[in-house]
Amino acid sequence: MEIKVLFAERLKYFRNEKGLTQKQLAINLNLPRQNIRDWEIGKSETCFENLIILARYFDITVDQLIGNSDI
C-alpha cells in the first residue's frame, strides 16, 4: 500500500482515537483544518516537520504514523 494512503488512514485513526474532529486537531496544532482534511483523504502530502508535530502530539513514532510499524 502507498505511504500516502497509509498516512491518511493512520492520521484519521489516531485523530478518532483521541475523539477529535478535524477542526479540533487543526486548532490544537495551529494548522489549517483544510490541511488535516486533505491529508486524511489523500489529496495532499505533508512535510517532514508536520509528521514530527503529529507524531509528538499523538505520542507515537513517525513510523507508526506512516504505516512502517504496527499501531
PDB file of N, CA and C in Angstrom:
ATOM      1  N   MET A   1       0.847  -1.187   0.000  1.00  0.00           N
ATOM      2  CA  MET A   1       0.000   0.000   0.000  1.00  0.00           C
ATOM      3  C   MET A   1       0.889   1.246   0.000  1.00  0.00           C
ATOM      4  N   GLU A   2       0.461   2.263  -0.694  1.00  0.00           N
ATOM      5  CA  GLU A   2       1.203   3.507  -0.823  1.00  0.00           C
ATOM      6  C   GLU A   2       1.284   4.240   0.516  1.00  0.00           C
ATOM      7  N   ILE A   3       2.431   4.861   0.792  1.00  0.00           N
ATOM      8  CA  ILE A   3       2.640   5.554   2.064  1.00  0.00           C
ATOM      9  C   ILE A   3       1.610   6.656   2.269  1.00  0.00           C
ATOM     10  N   LYS A   4       1.260   7.390   1.208  1.00  0.00           N
ATOM     11  CA  LYS A   4       0.286   8.470   1.343  1.00  0.00           C
ATOM     12  C   LYS A   4      -1.068   7.935   1.813  1.00  0.00           C
ATOM     13  N   VAL A   5      -1.446   6.777   1.308  1.00  0.00           N
ATOM     14  CA  VAL A   5      -2.714   6.163   1.710  1.00  0.00           C
ATOM     15  C   VAL A   5      -2.634   5.683   3.157  1.00  0.00           C
ATOM     16  N   LEU A   6      -1.526   5.053   3.509  1.00  0.00           N
ATOM     17  CA  LEU A   6      -1.358   4.596   4.893  1.00  0.00           C
ATOM     18  C   LEU A   6      -1.361   5.771   5.861  1.00  0.00           C
ATOM     19  N   PHE A   7      -0.659   6.836   5.489  1.00  0.00           N
ATOM     20  CA  PHE A   7      -0.636   8.025   6.337  1.00  0.00           C
ATOM     21  C   PHE A   7      -2.048   8.571   6.528  1.00  0.00           C
ATOM     22  N   ALA A   8      -2.818   8.652   5.459  1.00  0.00           N
ATOM     23  CA  ALA A   8      -4.191   9.159   5.536  1.00  0.00           C
ATOM     24  C   ALA A   8      -5.026   8.318   6.503  1.00  0.00           C
ATOM     25  N   GLU A   9      -4.933   7.010   6.376  1.00  0.00           N
ATOM     26  CA  GLU A   9      -5.700   6.111   7.248  1.00  0.00           C
ATOM     27  C   GLU A   9      -5.245   6.218   8.694  1.00  0.00           C
ATOM     28  N   ARG A  10      -3.939   6.256   8.895  1.00  0.00           N
ATOM     29  CA  ARG A  10      -3.410   6.316  10.260  1.00  0.00           C
ATOM     30  C   ARG A  10      -3.745   7.648  10.931  1.00  0.00           C
ATOM     31  N   LEU A  11      -3.622   8.747  10.194  1.00  0.00           N
ATOM     32  CA  LEU A  11      -3.932  10.047  10.774  1.00  0.00           C
ATOM     33  C   LEU A  11      -5.386  10.077  11.250  1.00  0.00           C
ATOM     34  N   LYS A  12      -6.280   9.612  10.410  1.00  0.00           N
ATOM     35  CA  LYS A  12      -7.694   9.584  10.786  1.00  0.00           C
ATOM     36  C   LYS A  12      -7.908   8.666  11.992  1.00  0.00           C
ATOM     37  N   TYR A  13      -7.233   7.519  12.017  1.00  0.00           N
ATOM     38  CA  TYR A  13      -7.355   6.578  13.131  1.00  0.00           C
ATOM     39  C   TYR A  13      -6.924   7.245  14.440  1.00  0.00           C
ATOM     40  N   PHE A  14      -5.735   7.846  14.453  1.00  0.00           N
ATOM     41  CA  PHE A  14      -5.230   8.447  15.686  1.00  0.00           C
ATOM     42  C   PHE A  14      -6.062   9.651  16.109  1.00  0.00           C
ATOM     43  N   ARG A  15      -6.556  10.409  15.151  1.00  0.00           N
ATOM     44  CA  ARG A  15      -7.426  11.538  15.484  1.00  0.00           C
ATOM     45  C   ARG A  15      -8.710  11.039  16.140  1.00  0.00           C
ATOM     46  N   ASN A  16      -9.302  10.010  15.555  1.00  0.00           N
ATOM     47  CA  ASN A  16     -10.531   9.446  16.125  1.00  0.00           C
ATOM     48  C   ASN A  16     -10.293   8.814  17.488  1.00  0.00           C
ATOM     49  N   GLU A  17      -9.132   8.204  17.678  1.00  0.00           N
ATOM     50  CA  GLU A  17      -8.796   7.617  18.983  1.00  0.00           C
ATOM     51  C   GLU A  17      -8.810   8.667  20.089  1.00  0.00           C
ATOM     52  N   LYS A  18      -8.423   9.888  19.755  1.00  0.00           N
ATOM     53  CA  LYS A  18      -8.445  10.985  20.729  1.00  0.00           C
ATOM     54  C   LYS A  18      -9.809  11.663  20.792  1.00  0.00           C
ATOM     55  N   GLY A  19     -10.742  11.223  19.952  1.00  0.00           N
ATOM     56  CA  GLY A  19     -12.078  11.795  19.954  1.00  0.00           C
ATOM     57  C   GLY A  19     -12.127  13.218  19.422  1.00  0.00           C
ATOM     58  N   LEU A  20     -11.257  13.530  18.480  1.00  0.00           N
ATOM     59  CA  LEU A  20     -11.168  14.878  17.943  1.00  0.00           C
ATOM     60  C   LEU A  20     -11.780  14.996  16.554  1.00  0.00           C
ATOM     61  N   THR A  21     -12.337  16.151  16.278  1.00  0.00           N
ATOM     62  CA  THR A  21     -12.736  16.463  14.906  1.00  0.00           C
ATOM     63  C   THR A  21     -11.500  16.989  14.174  1.00  0.00           C
ATOM     64  N   GLN A  22     -11.615  17.091  12.871  1.00  0.00           N
ATOM     65  CA  GLN A  22     -10.514  17.677  12.106  1.00  0.00           C
ATOM     66  C   GLN A  22     -10.253  19.107  12.565  1.00  0.00           C
ATOM     67  N   LYS A  23     -11.315  19.842  12.809  1.00  0.00           N
ATOM     68  CA  LYS A  23     -11.181  21.230  13.249  1.00  0.00           C
ATOM     69  C   LYS A  23     -10.463  21.322  14.589  1.00  0.00           C
ATOM     70  N   GLN A  24     -10.841  20.457  15.532  1.00  0.00           N
ATOM     71  CA  GLN A  24     -10.199  20.472  16.855  1.00  0.00           C
ATOM     72  C   GLN A  24      -8.709  20.160  16.741  1.00  0.00           C
ATOM     73  N   LEU A  25      -8.372  19.163  15.929  1.00  0.00           N
ATOM     74  CA  LEU A  25      -6.962  18.812  15.758  1.00  0.00           C
ATOM     75  C   LEU A  25      -6.208  19.977  15.138  1.00  0.00           C
ATOM     76  N   ALA A  26      -6.789  20.588  14.128  1.00  0.00           N
ATOM     77  CA  ALA A  26      -6.146  21.727  13.472  1.00  0.00           C
ATOM     78  C   ALA A  26      -5.893  22.868  14.459  1.00  0.00           C
ATOM     79  N   ILE A  27      -6.871  23.150  15.292  1.00  0.00           N
ATOM     80  CA  ILE A  27      -6.714  24.207  16.294  1.00  0.00           C
ATOM     81  C   ILE A  27      -5.612  23.839  17.283  1.00  0.00           C
ATOM     82  N   ASN A  28      -5.618  22.598  17.753  1.00  0.00           N
ATOM     83  CA  ASN A  28      -4.605  22.157  18.725  1.00  0.00           C
ATOM     84  C   ASN A  28      -3.190  22.241  18.169  1.00  0.00           C
ATOM     85  N   LEU A  29      -3.046  22.037  16.858  1.00  0.00           N
ATOM     86  CA  LEU A  29      -1.722  22.039  16.232  1.00  0.00           C
ATOM     87  C   LEU A  29      -1.409  23.341  15.506  1.00  0.00           C
ATOM     88  N   ASN A  30      -2.357  24.289  15.571  1.00  0.00           N
ATOM     89  CA  ASN A  30      -2.189  25.572  14.891  1.00  0.00           C
ATOM     90  C   ASN A  30      -1.933  25.380  13.391  1.00  0.00           C
ATOM     91  N   LEU A  31      -2.749  24.529  12.790  1.00  0.00           N
ATOM     92  CA  LEU A  31      -2.683  24.251  11.361  1.00  0.00           C
ATOM     93  C   LEU A  31      -4.048  24.523  10.740  1.00  0.00           C
ATOM     94  N   PRO A  32      -4.092  24.804   9.445  1.00  0.00           N
ATOM     95  CA  PRO A  32      -5.393  24.968   8.797  1.00  0.00           C
ATOM     96  C   PRO A  32      -6.170  23.648   8.769  1.00  0.00           C
ATOM     97  N   ARG A  33      -7.472  23.707   9.040  1.00  0.00           N
ATOM     98  CA  ARG A  33      -8.286  22.492   9.009  1.00  0.00           C
ATOM     99  C   ARG A  33      -8.237  21.840   7.637  1.00  0.00           C
ATOM    100  N   GLN A  34      -8.135  22.647   6.611  1.00  0.00           N
ATOM    101  CA  GLN A  34      -8.056  22.131   5.245  1.00  0.00           C
ATOM    102  C   GLN A  34      -6.877  21.173   5.080  1.00  0.00           C
ATOM    103  N   ASN A  35      -5.766  21.448   5.752  1.00  0.00           N
ATOM    104  CA  ASN A  35      -4.604  20.547   5.687  1.00  0.00           C
ATOM    105  C   ASN A  35      -4.964  19.171   6.234  1.00  0.00           C
ATOM    106  N   ILE A  36      -5.606  19.157   7.392  1.00  0.00           N
ATOM    107  CA  ILE A  36      -5.986  17.887   8.015  1.00  0.00           C
ATOM    108  C   ILE A  36      -6.913  17.118   7.074  1.00  0.00           C
ATOM    109  N   ARG A  37      -7.908  17.794   6.532  1.00  0.00           N
ATOM    110  CA  ARG A  37      -8.856  17.153   5.614  1.00  0.00           C
ATOM    111  C   ARG A  37      -8.130  16.593   4.391  1.00  0.00           C
ATOM    112  N   ASP A  38      -7.288  17.409   3.780  1.00  0.00           N
ATOM    113  CA  ASP A  38      -6.577  16.966   2.578  1.00  0.00           C
ATOM    114  C   ASP A  38      -5.666  15.780   2.865  1.00  0.00           C
ATOM    115  N   TRP A  39      -5.006  15.779   4.002  1.00  0.00           N
ATOM    116  CA  TRP A  39      -4.140  14.649   4.362  1.00  0.00           C
ATOM    117  C   TRP A  39      -4.967  13.387   4.565  1.00  0.00           C
ATOM    118  N   GLU A  40      -6.108  13.523   5.231  1.00  0.00           N
ATOM    119  CA  GLU A  40      -6.931  12.347   5.532  1.00  0.00           C
ATOM    120  C   GLU A  40      -7.604  11.743   4.302  1.00  0.00           C
ATOM    121  N   ILE A  41      -7.826  12.531   3.283  1.00  0.00           N
ATOM    122  CA  ILE A  41      -8.419  11.966   2.062  1.00  0.00           C
ATOM    123  C   ILE A  41      -7.353  11.660   1.013  1.00  0.00           C
ATOM    124  N   GLY A  42      -6.090  11.877   1.361  1.00  0.00           N
ATOM    125  CA  GLY A  42      -5.000  11.569   0.449  1.00  0.00           C
ATOM    126  C   GLY A  42      -4.853  12.561  -0.685  1.00  0.00           C
ATOM    127  N   LYS A  43      -5.436  13.738  -0.524  1.00  0.00           N
ATOM    128  CA  LYS A  43      -5.366  14.761  -1.569  1.00  0.00           C
ATOM    129  C   LYS A  43      -4.006  15.443  -1.610  1.00  0.00           C
ATOM    130  N   SER A  44      -3.363  15.546  -0.469  1.00  0.00           N
ATOM    131  CA  SER A  44      -2.048  16.178  -0.423  1.00  0.00           C
ATOM    132  C   SER A  44      -1.160  15.457   0.582  1.00  0.00           C
ATOM    133  N   GLU A  45       0.116  15.730   0.470  1.00  0.00           N
ATOM    134  CA  GLU A  45       1.107  15.161   1.378  1.00  0.00           C
ATOM    135  C   GLU A  45       1.560  16.243   2.342  1.00  0.00           C
ATOM    136  N   THR A  46       2.179  15.831   3.410  1.00  0.00           N
ATOM    137  CA  THR A  46       2.690  16.789   4.376  1.00  0.00           C
ATOM    138  C   THR A  46       4.208  16.770   4.375  1.00  0.00           C
ATOM    139  N   CYS A  47       4.782  17.753   5.002  1.00  0.00           N
ATOM    140  CA  CYS A  47       6.246  17.809   5.100  1.00  0.00           C
ATOM    141  C   CYS A  47       6.711  17.027   6.331  1.00  0.00           C
ATOM    142  N   PHE A  48       7.990  16.773   6.379  1.00  0.00           N
ATOM    143  CA  PHE A  48       8.564  16.011   7.478  1.00  0.00           C
ATOM    144  C   PHE A  48       8.321  16.702   8.819  1.00  0.00           C
ATOM    145  N   GLU A  49       8.412  18.028   8.830  1.00  0.00           N
ATOM    146  CA  GLU A  49       8.189  18.771  10.067  1.00  0.00           C
ATOM    147  C   GLU A  49       6.796  18.505  10.635  1.00  0.00           C
ATOM    148  N   ASN A  50       5.782  18.486   9.779  1.00  0.00           N
ATOM    149  CA  ASN A  50       4.424  18.205  10.248  1.00  0.00           C
ATOM    150  C   ASN A  50       4.268  16.768  10.710  1.00  0.00           C
ATOM    151  N   LEU A  51       4.979  15.835  10.073  1.00  0.00           N
ATOM    152  CA  LEU A  51       4.937  14.446  10.549  1.00  0.00           C
ATOM    153  C   LEU A  51       5.438  14.358  11.982  1.00  0.00           C
ATOM    154  N   ILE A  52       6.503  15.069  12.266  1.00  0.00           N
ATOM    155  CA  ILE A  52       7.057  15.074  13.622  1.00  0.00           C
ATOM    156  C   ILE A  52       6.071  15.715  14.598  1.00  0.00           C
ATOM    157  N   ILE A  53       5.478  16.831  14.207  1.00  0.00           N
ATOM    158  CA  ILE A  53       4.489  17.500  15.067  1.00  0.00           C
ATOM    159  C   ILE A  53       3.326  16.559  15.371  1.00  0.00           C
ATOM    160  N   LEU A  54       2.815  15.896  14.345  1.00  0.00           N
ATOM    161  CA  LEU A  54       1.705  14.960  14.538  1.00  0.00           C
ATOM    162  C   LEU A  54       2.102  13.783  15.425  1.00  0.00           C
ATOM    163  N   ALA A  55       3.261  13.203  15.173  1.00  0.00           N
ATOM    164  CA  ALA A  55       3.718  12.055  15.968  1.00  0.00           C
ATOM    165  C   ALA A  55       3.880  12.438  17.438  1.00  0.00           C
ATOM    166  N   ARG A  56       4.451  13.593  17.682  1.00  0.00           N
ATOM    167  CA  ARG A  56       4.610  14.045  19.074  1.00  0.00           C
ATOM    168  C   ARG A  56       3.255  14.299  19.722  1.00  0.00           C
ATOM    169  N   TYR A  57       2.347  14.896  18.980  1.00  0.00           N
ATOM    170  CA  TYR A  57       1.017  15.182  19.522  1.00  0.00           C
ATOM    171  C   TYR A  57       0.302  13.893  19.929  1.00  0.00           C
ATOM    172  N   PHE A  58       0.378  12.878  19.075  1.00  0.00           N
ATOM    173  CA  PHE A  58      -0.305  11.617  19.357  1.00  0.00           C
ATOM    174  C   PHE A  58       0.535  10.673  20.216  1.00  0.00           C
ATOM    175  N   ASP A  59       1.763  11.083  20.559  1.00  0.00           N
ATOM    176  CA  ASP A  59       2.687  10.266  21.354  1.00  0.00           C
ATOM    177  C   ASP A  59       2.947   8.918  20.689  1.00  0.00           C
ATOM    178  N   ILE A  60       3.278   8.995  19.406  1.00  0.00           N
ATOM    179  CA  ILE A  60       3.602   7.817  18.604  1.00  0.00           C
ATOM    180  C   ILE A  60       4.862   8.114  17.808  1.00  0.00           C
ATOM    181  N   THR A  61       5.350   7.130  17.079  1.00  0.00           N
ATOM    182  CA  THR A  61       6.503   7.351  16.218  1.00  0.00           C
ATOM    183  C   THR A  61       6.035   7.767  14.821  1.00  0.00           C
ATOM    184  N   VAL A  62       6.921   8.395  14.081  1.00  0.00           N
ATOM    185  CA  VAL A  62       6.615   8.733  12.690  1.00  0.00           C
ATOM    186  C   VAL A  62       6.369   7.457  11.906  1.00  0.00           C
ATOM    187  N   ASP A  63       7.119   6.382  12.206  1.00  0.00           N
ATOM    188  CA  ASP A  63       6.897   5.101  11.537  1.00  0.00           C
ATOM    189  C   ASP A  63       5.472   4.581  11.744  1.00  0.00           C
ATOM    190  N   GLN A  64       4.944   4.733  12.936  1.00  0.00           N
ATOM    191  CA  GLN A  64       3.564   4.329  13.182  1.00  0.00           C
ATOM    192  C   GLN A  64       2.598   5.175  12.358  1.00  0.00           C
ATOM    193  N   LEU A  65       2.889   6.458  12.262  1.00  0.00           N
ATOM    194  CA  LEU A  65       2.011   7.379  11.553  1.00  0.00           C
ATOM    195  C   LEU A  65       1.979   7.108  10.055  1.00  0.00           C
ATOM    196  N   ILE A  66       3.117   6.715   9.481  1.00  0.00           N
ATOM    197  CA  ILE A  66       3.151   6.478   8.036  1.00  0.00           C
ATOM    198  C   ILE A  66       2.973   5.017   7.661  1.00  0.00           C
ATOM    199  N   GLY A  67       2.788   4.162   8.659  1.00  0.00           N
ATOM    200  CA  GLY A  67       2.476   2.771   8.384  1.00  0.00           C
ATOM    201  C   GLY A  67       3.664   1.838   8.290  1.00  0.00           C
ATOM    202  N   ASN A  68       4.849   2.286   8.729  1.00  0.00           N
ATOM    203  CA  ASN A  68       6.030   1.424   8.695  1.00  0.00           C
ATOM    204  C   ASN A  68       6.121   0.493   9.895  1.00  0.00           C
ATOM    205  N   SER A  69       5.270   0.704  10.885  1.00  0.00           N
ATOM    206  CA  SER A  69       5.203  -0.213  12.015  1.00  0.00           C
ATOM    207  C   SER A  69       3.765  -0.303  12.491  1.00  0.00           C
ATOM    208  N   ASP A  70       3.522  -1.291  13.300  1.00  0.00           N
ATOM    209  CA  ASP A  70       2.165  -1.534  13.781  1.00  0.00           C
ATOM    210  C   ASP A  70       1.698  -0.419  14.716  1.00  0.00           C
ATOM    211  N   ILE A  71       0.385  -0.289  14.752  1.00  0.00           N
ATOM    212  CA  ILE A  71      -0.242   0.670  15.660  1.00  0.00           C
ATOM    213  C   ILE A  71      -0.120   0.162  17.071  1.00  0.00           C
TER     214      ILE A  71
END
